[in-house]
Amino acid sequence: MSSNFKISNFELTLGCAFRYALGRRTYVVSHVVDEILNNWEELSKSFKERTVKEIIEYKKDYETLGDSCDESDWMKIVNKFAEDELGN
């Protein structure tokens, strides 16, 4: 089976960490958000779009992203994506 879809091992690992952390009330949220933002320029646009979409959908479905500190961390990613989109 051949596919044009490619994802780096780093993005796969970071995506798994993201999905584990989303909605949890734990210190790992800030670590995952920091890793995403620290590597922002190296991440594919599809990874960024998917991550933001999942954050927004989670918030819509569960009305929370965790504790207030977690929510502010997740919103850093959403805001960074919005800044990039407006800047293009």
C-alpha atoms as a PDB file:
ATOM      1  CA  MET A   1       0.000   0.000   0.000  1.00  0.00           C
ATOM      2  CA  SER A   2       1.443   3.349  -1.029  1.00  0.00           C
ATOM      3  CA  SER A   3       0.534   6.699   0.427  1.00  0.00           C
ATOM      4  CA  ASN A   4       1.526  10.298  -0.136  1.00  0.00           C
ATOM      5  CA  PHE A   5       0.883  10.960   3.544  1.00  0.00           C
ATOM      6  CA  LYS A   6       4.091  11.397   5.487  1.00  0.00           C
ATOM      7  CA  ILE A   7       4.592  12.321   9.096  1.00  0.00           C
ATOM      8  CA  SER A   8       7.856  12.660  10.915  1.00  0.00           C
ATOM      9  CA  ASN A   9       8.582  10.447  13.894  1.00  0.00           C
ATOM     10  CA  PHE A  10       8.868  13.605  15.963  1.00  0.00           C
ATOM     11  CA  GLU A  11       5.409  14.810  14.945  1.00  0.00           C
ATOM     12  CA  LEU A  12       3.970  11.361  15.605  1.00  0.00           C
ATOM     13  CA  THR A  13       5.471  11.278  19.104  1.00  0.00           C
ATOM     14  CA  LEU A  14       4.464  14.859  19.839  1.00  0.00           C
ATOM     15  CA  GLY A  15       0.952  14.150  18.561  1.00  0.00           C
ATOM     16  CA  CYS A  16       0.656  11.183  20.923  1.00  0.00           C
ATOM     17  CA  ALA A  17       1.829  13.315  23.843  1.00  0.00           C
ATOM     18  CA  PHE A  18      -0.643  16.022  22.829  1.00  0.00           C
ATOM     19  CA  ARG A  19      -3.579  13.605  22.755  1.00  0.00           C
ATOM     20  CA  TYR A  20      -2.568  12.147  26.101  1.00  0.00           C
ATOM     21  CA  ALA A  21      -2.374  15.598  27.696  1.00  0.00           C
ATOM     22  CA  LEU A  22      -5.451  17.244  26.172  1.00  0.00           C
ATOM     23  CA  GLY A  23      -8.122  17.568  28.839  1.00  0.00           C
ATOM     24  CA  ARG A  24      -5.956  16.303  31.666  1.00  0.00           C
ATOM     25  CA  ARG A  25      -5.241  18.267  34.783  1.00  0.00           C
ATOM     26  CA  THR A  26      -1.535  17.623  35.114  1.00  0.00           C
ATOM     27  CA  TYR A  27       1.858  19.296  34.837  1.00  0.00           C
ATOM     28  CA  VAL A  28       2.418  17.478  31.541  1.00  0.00           C
ATOM     29  CA  VAL A  29       0.093  19.934  29.770  1.00  0.00           C
ATOM     30  CA  SER A  30       2.567  22.809  30.095  1.00  0.00           C
ATOM     31  CA  HIS A  31       5.433  20.566  28.998  1.00  0.00           C
ATOM     32  CA  VAL A  32       3.610  19.398  25.860  1.00  0.00           C
ATOM     33  CA  VAL A  33       2.527  22.941  24.992  1.00  0.00           C
ATOM     34  CA  ASP A  34       6.113  24.175  25.481  1.00  0.00           C
ATOM     35  CA  GLU A  35       7.458  21.427  23.204  1.00  0.00           C
ATOM     36  CA  ILE A  36       4.936  22.274  20.498  1.00  0.00           C
ATOM     37  CA  LEU A  37       5.686  25.989  20.666  1.00  0.00           C
ATOM     38  CA  ASN A  38       9.470  25.517  20.948  1.00  0.00           C
ATOM     39  CA  ASN A  39       9.397  23.461  17.751  1.00  0.00           C
ATOM     40  CA  TRP A  40       6.678  25.453  15.986  1.00  0.00           C
ATOM     41  CA  GLU A  41       8.726  26.384  12.924  1.00  0.00           C
ATOM     42  CA  GLU A  42       9.694  22.745  12.290  1.00  0.00           C
ATOM     43  CA  LEU A  43       6.151  21.374  12.550  1.00  0.00           C
ATOM     44  CA  SER A  44       4.107  20.838   9.411  1.00  0.00           C
ATOM     45  CA  LYS A  45       1.102  23.007   8.712  1.00  0.00           C
ATOM     46  CA  SER A  46      -1.135  19.927   8.832  1.00  0.00           C
ATOM     47  CA  PHE A  47       0.125  19.083  12.343  1.00  0.00           C
ATOM     48  CA  LYS A  48      -0.597  22.636  13.493  1.00  0.00           C
ATOM     49  CA  GLU A  49      -4.061  22.677  11.896  1.00  0.00           C
ATOM     50  CA  ARG A  50      -4.977  19.284  13.353  1.00  0.00           C
ATOM     51  CA  THR A  51      -3.755  20.254  16.817  1.00  0.00           C
ATOM     52  CA  VAL A  52      -5.715  23.506  16.858  1.00  0.00           C
ATOM     53  CA  LYS A  53      -8.815  21.766  15.496  1.00  0.00           C
ATOM     54  CA  GLU A  54      -8.635  19.145  18.247  1.00  0.00           C
ATOM     55  CA  ILE A  55      -8.179  21.780  20.970  1.00  0.00           C
ATOM     56  CA  ILE A  56     -11.210  23.720  19.732  1.00  0.00           C
ATOM     57  CA  GLU A  57     -13.333  20.567  19.347  1.00  0.00           C
ATOM     58  CA  TYR A  58     -12.386  19.334  22.817  1.00  0.00           C
ATOM     59  CA  LYS A  59     -13.366  22.681  24.329  1.00  0.00           C
ATOM     60  CA  LYS A  60     -16.673  22.605  22.448  1.00  0.00           C
ATOM     61  CA  ASP A  61     -17.457  19.009  23.434  1.00  0.00           C
ATOM     62  CA  TYR A  62     -16.425  19.183  27.105  1.00  0.00           C
ATOM     63  CA  GLU A  63     -16.724  22.933  27.822  1.00  0.00           C
ATOM     64  CA  THR A  64     -13.270  22.868  29.430  1.00  0.00           C
ATOM     65  CA  LEU A  65      -9.650  22.202  28.597  1.00  0.00           C
ATOM     66  CA  GLY A  66      -8.782  21.240  32.162  1.00  0.00           C
ATOM     67  CA  ASP A  67      -7.957  23.667  34.933  1.00  0.00           C
ATOM     68  CA  SER A  68      -7.635  27.384  34.121  1.00  0.00           C
ATOM     69  CA  CYS A  69      -3.848  27.083  33.874  1.00  0.00           C
ATOM     70  CA  ASP A  70      -4.265  24.224  31.382  1.00  0.00           C
ATOM     71  CA  GLU A  71      -6.761  26.194  29.339  1.00  0.00           C
ATOM     72  CA  SER A  72      -4.427  29.187  29.125  1.00  0.00           C
ATOM     73  CA  ASP A  73      -1.610  26.867  28.015  1.00  0.00           C
ATOM     74  CA  TRP A  74      -3.690  25.247  25.263  1.00  0.00           C
ATOM     75  CA  MET A  75      -4.859  28.649  24.082  1.00  0.00           C
ATOM     76  CA  LYS A  76      -1.218  29.646  23.490  1.00  0.00           C
ATOM     77  CA  ILE A  77      -1.199  27.161  20.612  1.00  0.00           C
ATOM     78  CA  VAL A  78      -4.515  28.381  19.211  1.00  0.00           C
ATOM     79  CA  ASN A  79      -3.345  32.010  19.450  1.00  0.00           C
ATOM     80  CA  LYS A  80       0.028  31.250  17.840  1.00  0.00           C
ATOM     81  CA  PHE A  81      -1.716  29.547  14.936  1.00  0.00           C
ATOM     82  CA  ALA A  82      -4.092  32.505  14.539  1.00  0.00           C
ATOM     83  CA  GLU A  83      -1.150  34.945  14.593  1.00  0.00           C
ATOM     84  CA  ASP A  84       0.616  32.951  11.888  1.00  0.00           C
ATOM     85  CA  GLU A  85      -2.502  32.790   9.741  1.00  0.00           C
ATOM     86  CA  LEU A  86      -3.135  36.526  10.029  1.00  0.00           C
ATOM     87  CA  GLY A  87       0.500  37.240   9.253  1.00  0.00           C
ATOM     88  CA  ASN A  88       0.408  35.301   5.975  1.00  0.00           C
END
